Amino acid sequence: VPALVADPFAEMKTASRVNTDNLQKDAASLMIACGLAMRSLDDATR
């Protein structure tokens, strides 16, 4: 069965000071935090 590792940052732009290697390595672990952050941005625009 084919599977993918989730990467919530795949289509996001990041600041130049962000260590992209570390972000890639920890991306799946940061899924909930990323989702909650995006949700708060969506709530702010309503």
N, C-alpha and C. Protein backbone atom coordinates (compact mmCIF):
# COMPACT_ATOMS: atom_id res chain seq x y z
N VAL A 1 0.85 -1.17 0.00
CA VAL A 1 0.00 0.00 0.00
C VAL A 1 0.89 1.23 0.00
N PRO A 2 0.77 2.08 -1.01
CA PRO A 2 1.57 3.31 -1.05
C PRO A 2 1.14 4.27 0.07
N ALA A 3 2.09 4.95 0.63
CA ALA A 3 1.80 5.92 1.69
C ALA A 3 2.70 7.14 1.54
N LEU A 4 2.24 8.25 2.05
CA LEU A 4 3.00 9.50 2.04
C LEU A 4 3.13 10.01 3.46
N VAL A 5 4.21 10.70 3.74
CA VAL A 5 4.37 11.39 5.02
C VAL A 5 3.83 12.80 4.84
N ALA A 6 2.93 13.18 5.71
CA ALA A 6 2.30 14.49 5.61
C ALA A 6 3.31 15.61 5.84
N ASP A 7 3.21 16.65 5.03
CA ASP A 7 4.08 17.82 5.17
C ASP A 7 3.21 19.07 5.10
N PRO A 8 2.79 19.60 6.26
CA PRO A 8 1.91 20.77 6.25
C PRO A 8 2.57 22.03 5.70
N PHE A 9 3.88 22.02 5.55
CA PHE A 9 4.60 23.19 5.08
C PHE A 9 4.98 23.11 3.61
N ALA A 10 4.51 22.10 2.91
CA ALA A 10 4.92 21.85 1.53
C ALA A 10 4.66 23.05 0.61
N GLU A 11 3.55 23.72 0.77
CA GLU A 11 3.19 24.83 -0.12
C GLU A 11 3.30 26.19 0.55
N MET A 12 3.89 26.24 1.73
CA MET A 12 4.01 27.50 2.47
C MET A 12 5.34 28.18 2.19
N LYS A 13 5.32 29.49 2.18
CA LYS A 13 6.56 30.25 2.11
C LYS A 13 7.09 30.40 3.53
N THR A 14 8.39 30.29 3.68
CA THR A 14 9.00 30.44 5.00
C THR A 14 10.01 31.58 4.97
N ALA A 15 10.23 32.16 6.13
CA ALA A 15 11.21 33.24 6.24
C ALA A 15 12.61 32.69 5.98
N SER A 16 13.50 33.55 5.55
CA SER A 16 14.86 33.12 5.22
C SER A 16 15.61 32.63 6.45
N ARG A 17 15.21 33.07 7.63
CA ARG A 17 15.90 32.63 8.85
C ARG A 17 15.47 31.24 9.33
N VAL A 18 14.44 30.66 8.70
CA VAL A 18 13.97 29.32 9.07
C VAL A 18 14.92 28.28 8.51
N ASN A 19 15.33 27.35 9.35
CA ASN A 19 16.19 26.25 8.93
C ASN A 19 15.30 25.22 8.24
N THR A 20 15.30 25.21 6.91
CA THR A 20 14.39 24.36 6.16
C THR A 20 14.68 22.87 6.33
N ASP A 21 15.94 22.51 6.56
CA ASP A 21 16.26 21.10 6.79
C ASP A 21 15.58 20.59 8.06
N ASN A 22 15.67 21.37 9.13
CA ASN A 22 15.02 20.99 10.38
C ASN A 22 13.50 21.00 10.24
N LEU A 23 12.98 21.96 9.50
CA LEU A 23 11.54 22.04 9.30
C LEU A 23 11.05 20.81 8.55
N GLN A 24 11.75 20.41 7.51
CA GLN A 24 11.38 19.21 6.75
C GLN A 24 11.40 17.97 7.64
N LYS A 25 12.42 17.88 8.48
CA LYS A 25 12.59 16.72 9.35
C LYS A 25 11.45 16.63 10.38
N ASP A 26 10.98 17.77 10.87
CA ASP A 26 9.98 17.80 11.93
C ASP A 26 8.57 18.09 11.44
N ALA A 27 8.37 18.21 10.14
CA ALA A 27 7.09 18.65 9.58
C ALA A 27 5.91 17.79 10.03
N ALA A 28 6.03 16.48 9.97
CA ALA A 28 4.92 15.61 10.35
C ALA A 28 4.57 15.78 11.82
N SER A 29 5.55 16.02 12.66
CA SER A 29 5.30 16.22 14.09
C SER A 29 4.62 17.55 14.37
N LEU A 30 4.74 18.49 13.46
CA LEU A 30 4.17 19.83 13.65
C LEU A 30 2.80 19.99 13.00
N MET A 31 2.20 18.89 12.55
CA MET A 31 0.92 18.94 11.83
C MET A 31 -0.18 19.63 12.65
N ILE A 32 -0.36 19.25 13.90
CA ILE A 32 -1.42 19.84 14.72
C ILE A 32 -1.16 21.32 14.97
N ALA A 33 0.07 21.67 15.30
CA ALA A 33 0.41 23.07 15.55
C ALA A 33 0.16 23.92 14.30
N CYS A 34 0.53 23.40 13.16
CA CYS A 34 0.32 24.12 11.90
C CYS A 34 -1.17 24.30 11.62
N GLY A 35 -1.95 23.26 11.82
CA GLY A 35 -3.39 23.34 11.61
C GLY A 35 -4.05 24.35 12.53
N LEU A 36 -3.66 24.35 13.80
CA LEU A 36 -4.23 25.31 14.74
C LEU A 36 -3.83 26.74 14.39
N ALA A 37 -2.61 26.93 13.96
CA ALA A 37 -2.16 28.27 13.55
C ALA A 37 -2.94 28.76 12.34
N MET A 38 -3.15 27.87 11.37
CA MET A 38 -3.91 28.25 10.18
C MET A 38 -5.36 28.54 10.54
N ARG A 39 -5.90 27.79 11.47
CA ARG A 39 -7.28 28.01 11.91
C ARG A 39 -7.42 29.39 12.55
N SER A 40 -6.44 29.78 13.36
CA SER A 40 -6.54 31.09 14.00
C SER A 40 -6.44 32.22 12.97
N LEU A 41 -5.69 32.01 11.90
CA LEU A 41 -5.64 33.01 10.82
C LEU A 41 -6.98 33.11 10.13
N ASP A 42 -7.63 31.97 9.92
CA ASP A 42 -8.94 31.96 9.27
C ASP A 42 -9.97 32.66 10.15
N ASP A 43 -9.92 32.42 11.46
CA ASP A 43 -10.85 33.06 12.39
C ASP A 43 -10.65 34.57 12.41
N ALA A 44 -9.42 35.03 12.25
CA ALA A 44 -9.11 36.46 12.30
C ALA A 44 -9.67 37.20 11.08
N THR A 45 -9.86 36.51 9.97
CA THR A 45 -10.35 37.16 8.76
C THR A 45 -11.86 37.20 8.68
N ARG A 46 -12.52 36.58 9.62
CA ARG A 46 -14.00 36.56 9.60
C ARG A 46 -14.58 37.75 10.28
